[in-house]
Amino acid sequence: MTEAELKNLLERFLALYIYNRMPVVAERLSRLDPAAQRQADQQMRDIIEDLVGITLPNSVGNIDWEGAQGKAIAESAMGSAYEAISALDAKDHA
């Protein structure tokens, strides 16, 4: 596996992990009609994946994902995603 493939795999994994841990996602989607749900769901997945991609360093092969560095990267990506989704949610309630 190349470094780029590994980074892509980690981006997708971390994005899905974050998406599935965000209770606001299901709550937001439940307020929409089915067609809008599908569109909003994909947009939220894309936003989270983009944020994860920005957060991950280019070289991911040498990171100790079980150590402090890996945990810090994951927490940073999760924090960015929560902030973005919370901002969208706040905008909807304004």
N, C-alpha and C. Protein backbone atom coordinates (compact mmCIF):
# COMPACT_ATOMS: atom_id res chain seq x y z
N MET A 1 0.85 -1.17 0.00
CA MET A 1 0.00 0.00 0.00
C MET A 1 0.90 1.24 0.00
N THR A 2 0.58 2.17 -0.88
CA THR A 2 1.37 3.40 -0.95
C THR A 2 0.96 4.35 0.17
N GLU A 3 1.78 5.37 0.38
CA GLU A 3 1.49 6.37 1.40
C GLU A 3 0.17 7.09 1.08
N ALA A 4 -0.06 7.41 -0.19
CA ALA A 4 -1.29 8.09 -0.60
C ALA A 4 -2.51 7.21 -0.36
N GLU A 5 -2.39 5.93 -0.65
CA GLU A 5 -3.50 4.99 -0.43
C GLU A 5 -3.80 4.86 1.06
N LEU A 6 -2.74 4.80 1.86
CA LEU A 6 -2.91 4.71 3.31
C LEU A 6 -3.60 5.96 3.85
N LYS A 7 -3.16 7.13 3.37
CA LYS A 7 -3.79 8.38 3.82
C LYS A 7 -5.26 8.40 3.43
N ASN A 8 -5.57 7.99 2.22
CA ASN A 8 -6.96 7.96 1.76
C ASN A 8 -7.79 7.01 2.62
N LEU A 9 -7.25 5.86 2.92
CA LEU A 9 -7.95 4.89 3.76
C LEU A 9 -8.20 5.45 5.16
N LEU A 10 -7.20 6.08 5.73
CA LEU A 10 -7.35 6.68 7.07
C LEU A 10 -8.35 7.83 7.05
N GLU A 11 -8.33 8.64 6.00
CA GLU A 11 -9.30 9.72 5.88
C GLU A 11 -10.73 9.18 5.89
N ARG A 12 -10.95 8.16 5.08
CA ARG A 12 -12.30 7.60 4.97
C ARG A 12 -12.73 6.95 6.29
N PHE A 13 -11.82 6.21 6.92
CA PHE A 13 -12.14 5.56 8.18
C PHE A 13 -12.48 6.59 9.25
N LEU A 14 -11.62 7.59 9.40
CA LEU A 14 -11.82 8.58 10.44
C LEU A 14 -13.08 9.41 10.16
N ALA A 15 -13.34 9.71 8.92
CA ALA A 15 -14.56 10.46 8.57
C ALA A 15 -15.81 9.66 8.92
N LEU A 16 -15.82 8.38 8.59
CA LEU A 16 -16.98 7.54 8.93
C LEU A 16 -17.13 7.39 10.43
N TYR A 17 -16.01 7.23 11.12
CA TYR A 17 -16.04 7.11 12.58
C TYR A 17 -16.67 8.36 13.20
N ILE A 18 -16.21 9.53 12.76
CA ILE A 18 -16.74 10.79 13.29
C ILE A 18 -18.21 10.94 12.94
N TYR A 19 -18.55 10.67 11.70
CA TYR A 19 -19.94 10.80 11.25
C TYR A 19 -20.87 9.94 12.11
N ASN A 20 -20.47 8.73 12.37
CA ASN A 20 -21.30 7.81 13.14
C ASN A 20 -21.36 8.13 14.63
N ARG A 21 -20.47 8.97 15.11
CA ARG A 21 -20.47 9.34 16.53
C ARG A 21 -21.14 10.68 16.79
N MET A 22 -21.66 11.31 15.77
CA MET A 22 -22.25 12.64 15.94
C MET A 22 -23.77 12.53 16.03
N PRO A 23 -24.34 12.63 17.22
CA PRO A 23 -25.80 12.51 17.36
C PRO A 23 -26.57 13.60 16.63
N VAL A 24 -25.94 14.74 16.44
CA VAL A 24 -26.63 15.84 15.76
C VAL A 24 -26.93 15.49 14.30
N VAL A 25 -26.18 14.59 13.71
CA VAL A 25 -26.40 14.21 12.32
C VAL A 25 -27.79 13.59 12.16
N ALA A 26 -28.09 12.59 12.94
CA ALA A 26 -29.39 11.92 12.84
C ALA A 26 -30.53 12.88 13.17
N GLU A 27 -30.32 13.72 14.16
CA GLU A 27 -31.36 14.66 14.56
C GLU A 27 -31.63 15.66 13.44
N ARG A 28 -30.58 16.17 12.84
CA ARG A 28 -30.74 17.13 11.73
C ARG A 28 -31.45 16.49 10.55
N LEU A 29 -31.04 15.29 10.21
CA LEU A 29 -31.61 14.62 9.04
C LEU A 29 -33.08 14.25 9.25
N SER A 30 -33.46 13.97 10.49
CA SER A 30 -34.84 13.56 10.75
C SER A 30 -35.85 14.69 10.49
N ARG A 31 -35.37 15.93 10.43
CA ARG A 31 -36.26 17.07 10.18
C ARG A 31 -36.54 17.29 8.70
N LEU A 32 -35.92 16.52 7.83
CA LEU A 32 -36.02 16.76 6.39
C LEU A 32 -36.86 15.70 5.69
N ASP A 33 -37.33 16.05 4.51
CA ASP A 33 -38.03 15.06 3.69
C ASP A 33 -36.99 14.09 3.12
N PRO A 34 -37.40 12.91 2.64
CA PRO A 34 -36.44 11.88 2.20
C PRO A 34 -35.42 12.35 1.16
N ALA A 35 -35.85 13.10 0.17
CA ALA A 35 -34.91 13.57 -0.86
C ALA A 35 -33.88 14.53 -0.26
N ALA A 36 -34.35 15.43 0.56
CA ALA A 36 -33.45 16.38 1.21
C ALA A 36 -32.54 15.66 2.20
N GLN A 37 -33.05 14.60 2.85
CA GLN A 37 -32.22 13.80 3.77
C GLN A 37 -31.01 13.23 3.05
N ARG A 38 -31.26 12.63 1.88
CA ARG A 38 -30.16 12.02 1.13
C ARG A 38 -29.11 13.07 0.74
N GLN A 39 -29.58 14.21 0.28
CA GLN A 39 -28.67 15.27 -0.14
C GLN A 39 -27.89 15.82 1.06
N ALA A 40 -28.58 16.10 2.14
CA ALA A 40 -27.92 16.64 3.33
C ALA A 40 -26.95 15.62 3.93
N ASP A 41 -27.35 14.35 3.93
CA ASP A 41 -26.49 13.30 4.45
C ASP A 41 -25.17 13.27 3.68
N GLN A 42 -25.24 13.31 2.36
CA GLN A 42 -24.02 13.28 1.54
C GLN A 42 -23.18 14.53 1.76
N GLN A 43 -23.83 15.68 1.89
CA GLN A 43 -23.10 16.92 2.14
C GLN A 43 -22.36 16.86 3.47
N MET A 44 -23.02 16.34 4.50
CA MET A 44 -22.39 16.24 5.80
C MET A 44 -21.21 15.27 5.77
N ARG A 45 -21.38 14.16 5.07
CA ARG A 45 -20.28 13.20 4.92
C ARG A 45 -19.10 13.86 4.21
N ASP A 46 -19.39 14.62 3.15
CA ASP A 46 -18.34 15.29 2.39
C ASP A 46 -17.61 16.33 3.24
N ILE A 47 -18.37 17.11 4.01
CA ILE A 47 -17.77 18.12 4.88
C ILE A 47 -16.83 17.46 5.88
N ILE A 48 -17.30 16.40 6.51
CA ILE A 48 -16.48 15.71 7.51
C ILE A 48 -15.24 15.12 6.87
N GLU A 49 -15.39 14.48 5.70
CA GLU A 49 -14.23 13.89 5.03
C GLU A 49 -13.23 14.97 4.63
N ASP A 50 -13.70 16.12 4.15
CA ASP A 50 -12.80 17.21 3.79
C ASP A 50 -12.05 17.73 5.02
N LEU A 51 -12.75 17.89 6.13
CA LEU A 51 -12.10 18.35 7.35
C LEU A 51 -11.05 17.36 7.84
N VAL A 52 -11.36 16.09 7.75
CA VAL A 52 -10.39 15.06 8.15
C VAL A 52 -9.17 15.14 7.23
N GLY A 53 -9.40 15.28 5.93
CA GLY A 53 -8.29 15.38 4.98
C GLY A 53 -7.38 16.55 5.26
N ILE A 54 -7.96 17.67 5.68
CA ILE A 54 -7.17 18.85 6.01
C ILE A 54 -6.37 18.61 7.29
N THR A 55 -6.95 17.89 8.22
CA THR A 55 -6.32 17.66 9.53
C THR A 55 -5.16 16.67 9.46
N LEU A 56 -5.30 15.63 8.62
CA LEU A 56 -4.26 14.61 8.55
C LEU A 56 -3.00 15.14 7.89
N PRO A 57 -1.84 14.82 8.44
CA PRO A 57 -0.59 15.20 7.77
C PRO A 57 -0.41 14.38 6.50
N ASN A 58 0.44 14.86 5.60
CA ASN A 58 0.66 14.14 4.34
C ASN A 58 1.30 12.78 4.56
N SER A 59 2.17 12.69 5.54
CA SER A 59 2.85 11.43 5.82
C SER A 59 2.20 10.78 7.04
N VAL A 60 1.40 9.74 6.80
CA VAL A 60 0.68 9.09 7.90
C VAL A 60 1.27 7.74 8.28
N GLY A 61 2.20 7.25 7.49
CA GLY A 61 2.75 5.92 7.71
C GLY A 61 3.59 5.78 8.96
N ASN A 62 4.18 6.87 9.42
CA ASN A 62 5.07 6.79 10.58
C ASN A 62 4.42 7.26 11.88
N ILE A 63 3.13 7.48 11.83
CA ILE A 63 2.42 7.94 13.03
C ILE A 63 2.06 6.75 13.90
N ASP A 64 2.30 6.90 15.19
CA ASP A 64 1.88 5.89 16.15
C ASP A 64 0.43 6.17 16.49
N TRP A 65 -0.49 5.48 15.79
CA TRP A 65 -1.91 5.75 15.95
C TRP A 65 -2.44 5.33 17.31
N GLU A 66 -1.71 4.52 18.02
CA GLU A 66 -2.12 4.12 19.37
C GLU A 66 -1.52 5.04 20.43
N GLY A 67 -0.63 5.93 20.01
CA GLY A 67 0.05 6.83 20.93
C GLY A 67 -0.54 8.22 20.94
N ALA A 68 0.18 9.13 21.57
CA ALA A 68 -0.29 10.51 21.75
C ALA A 68 -0.48 11.24 20.42
N GLN A 69 0.44 11.04 19.48
CA GLN A 69 0.33 11.73 18.21
C GLN A 69 -0.94 11.32 17.44
N GLY A 70 -1.19 10.03 17.37
CA GLY A 70 -2.38 9.54 16.69
C GLY A 70 -3.65 10.03 17.36
N LYS A 71 -3.66 10.00 18.68
CA LYS A 71 -4.82 10.46 19.43
C LYS A 71 -5.06 11.95 19.20
N ALA A 72 -3.98 12.74 19.17
CA ALA A 72 -4.11 14.19 18.96
C ALA A 72 -4.67 14.49 17.56
N ILE A 73 -4.22 13.76 16.56
CA ILE A 73 -4.71 13.96 15.20
C ILE A 73 -6.19 13.61 15.12
N ALA A 74 -6.57 12.48 15.69
CA ALA A 74 -7.96 12.06 15.67
C ALA A 74 -8.85 13.06 16.43
N GLU A 75 -8.40 13.52 17.58
CA GLU A 75 -9.18 14.48 18.36
C GLU A 75 -9.31 15.82 17.63
N SER A 76 -8.26 16.23 16.95
CA SER A 76 -8.30 17.47 16.19
C SER A 76 -9.30 17.37 15.05
N ALA A 77 -9.28 16.26 14.34
CA ALA A 77 -10.22 16.05 13.23
C ALA A 77 -11.65 16.02 13.76
N MET A 78 -11.86 15.33 14.87
CA MET A 78 -13.19 15.23 15.45
C MET A 78 -13.66 16.61 15.92
N GLY A 79 -12.78 17.36 16.54
CA GLY A 79 -13.14 18.70 17.01
C GLY A 79 -13.52 19.62 15.87
N SER A 80 -12.77 19.57 14.78
CA SER A 80 -13.08 20.39 13.61
C SER A 80 -14.44 20.03 13.03
N ALA A 81 -14.72 18.75 12.95
CA ALA A 81 -16.00 18.30 12.41
C ALA A 81 -17.15 18.72 13.30
N TYR A 82 -17.00 18.57 14.61
CA TYR A 82 -18.05 18.99 15.54
C TYR A 82 -18.31 20.49 15.43
N GLU A 83 -17.24 21.27 15.33
CA GLU A 83 -17.40 22.72 15.20
C GLU A 83 -18.16 23.08 13.93
N ALA A 84 -17.80 22.45 12.83
CA ALA A 84 -18.45 22.76 11.55
C ALA A 84 -19.93 22.37 11.58
N ILE A 85 -20.23 21.18 12.07
CA ILE A 85 -21.61 20.72 12.11
C ILE A 85 -22.41 21.53 13.13
N SER A 86 -21.81 21.88 14.25
CA SER A 86 -22.50 22.71 15.25
C SER A 86 -22.81 24.09 14.68
N ALA A 87 -21.89 24.64 13.89
CA ALA A 87 -22.13 25.94 13.27
C ALA A 87 -23.30 25.85 12.29
N LEU A 88 -23.37 24.78 11.53
CA LEU A 88 -24.49 24.58 10.61
C LEU A 88 -25.80 24.45 11.38
N ASP A 89 -25.75 23.71 12.50
CA ASP A 89 -26.95 23.51 13.31
C ASP A 89 -27.40 24.83 13.92
N ALA A 90 -26.46 25.62 14.40
CA ALA A 90 -26.80 26.93 14.98
C ALA A 90 -27.39 27.84 13.92
N LYS A 91 -26.87 27.77 12.72
CA LYS A 91 -27.37 28.58 11.62
C LYS A 91 -28.83 28.20 11.31
N ASP A 92 -29.14 26.91 11.36
CA ASP A 92 -30.49 26.44 11.11
C ASP A 92 -31.48 26.91 12.18
N HIS A 93 -30.99 27.09 13.40
CA HIS A 93 -31.86 27.50 14.50
C HIS A 93 -31.96 29.03 14.65
N ALA A 94 -31.22 29.74 13.84
CA ALA A 94 -31.20 31.23 13.95
C ALA A 94 -32.40 31.84 13.25
